[in-house]
Amino acid sequence: MAVGRKAFLFVGSERAGHAAAIYYSLVESCKANKVNPLTYLTYILSNARNKATQLPTPNEFSGLSAAHAGGCAI
């Protein structure tokens, strides 16, 4: 991953490097699907503990209406 090559050297631990890679991947997926990354991550993190909610991928999230997604489209 070219985005985080230099940044991963100083993340502190291997576990933190994995977490950073996951977040980079999510943000880049959002950009590729024309979804606002902040809106997507806010939605995902606020609903992560709710077992009744099916969490969408960035591709599925871009298909949601603006009312449900909080105006996610860029």
Protein backbone atom coordinates (compact mmCIF):
# COMPACT_ATOMS: atom_id res chain seq x y z
CA MET A 1 0.00 0.00 0.00
CA ALA A 2 1.71 3.16 -1.18
CA VAL A 3 -0.41 5.45 1.01
CA GLY A 4 0.97 4.24 4.33
CA ARG A 5 4.41 2.92 3.50
CA LYS A 6 6.37 5.46 5.53
CA ALA A 7 3.69 5.95 8.19
CA PHE A 8 3.60 2.24 9.10
CA LEU A 9 7.21 2.39 10.20
CA PHE A 10 6.28 4.53 13.22
CA VAL A 11 2.84 3.28 14.32
CA GLY A 12 4.17 1.89 17.60
CA SER A 13 3.33 -1.80 17.38
CA GLU A 14 2.33 -4.52 14.96
CA ARG A 15 -1.27 -4.40 16.21
CA ALA A 16 -1.44 -0.65 15.61
CA GLY A 17 -0.06 -1.20 12.11
CA HIS A 18 -2.87 -3.65 11.34
CA ALA A 19 -5.48 -1.18 12.66
CA ALA A 20 -3.99 1.64 10.57
CA ALA A 21 -4.04 -0.57 7.47
CA ILE A 22 -7.72 -1.36 8.05
CA TYR A 23 -8.64 2.32 8.36
CA TYR A 24 -6.59 3.27 5.29
CA SER A 25 -8.34 0.52 3.35
CA LEU A 26 -11.80 1.68 4.45
CA VAL A 27 -11.08 5.31 3.59
CA GLU A 28 -9.71 4.43 0.14
CA SER A 29 -12.72 2.15 -0.51
CA CYS A 30 -15.03 5.03 0.38
CA LYS A 31 -13.20 7.34 -2.01
CA ALA A 32 -13.42 4.76 -4.80
CA ASN A 33 -17.19 4.47 -4.26
CA LYS A 34 -17.71 8.26 -3.99
CA VAL A 35 -18.76 8.05 -0.33
CA ASN A 36 -17.73 10.60 2.28
CA PRO A 37 -15.30 8.62 4.53
CA LEU A 38 -16.16 10.62 7.65
CA THR A 39 -19.89 9.98 7.25
CA TYR A 40 -19.31 6.29 6.56
CA LEU A 41 -16.97 5.76 9.53
CA THR A 42 -19.29 7.73 11.82
CA TYR A 43 -22.22 5.54 10.77
CA ILE A 44 -20.24 2.30 11.14
CA LEU A 45 -18.71 3.15 14.51
CA SER A 46 -22.00 4.40 15.97
CA ASN A 47 -23.82 1.19 14.90
CA ALA A 48 -21.05 -1.38 15.44
CA ARG A 49 -22.41 -2.62 18.77
CA ASN A 50 -26.01 -2.89 17.55
CA LYS A 51 -26.40 -6.57 16.64
CA ALA A 52 -29.71 -5.89 14.86
CA THR A 53 -28.06 -3.58 12.30
CA GLN A 54 -26.44 -5.08 9.19
CA LEU A 55 -23.36 -2.91 8.58
CA PRO A 56 -22.95 -1.98 4.91
CA THR A 57 -19.73 -2.01 2.92
CA PRO A 58 -18.71 1.32 1.32
CA ASN A 59 -20.16 0.06 -1.99
CA GLU A 60 -23.51 -0.77 -0.37
CA PHE A 61 -23.45 2.47 1.64
CA SER A 62 -23.21 4.56 -1.54
CA GLY A 63 -26.49 3.00 -2.71
CA LEU A 64 -28.41 4.09 0.37
CA SER A 65 -30.67 7.11 0.13
CA ALA A 66 -29.36 10.42 1.46
CA ALA A 67 -31.99 10.36 4.22
CA HIS A 68 -30.77 7.08 5.68
CA ALA A 69 -27.07 7.73 5.21
CA GLY A 70 -27.04 11.32 6.39
CA GLY A 71 -26.14 12.78 2.97
CA CYS A 72 -23.15 10.55 2.38
CA ALA A 73 -22.57 11.25 -1.30
CA ILE A 74 -19.79 13.66 -2.15
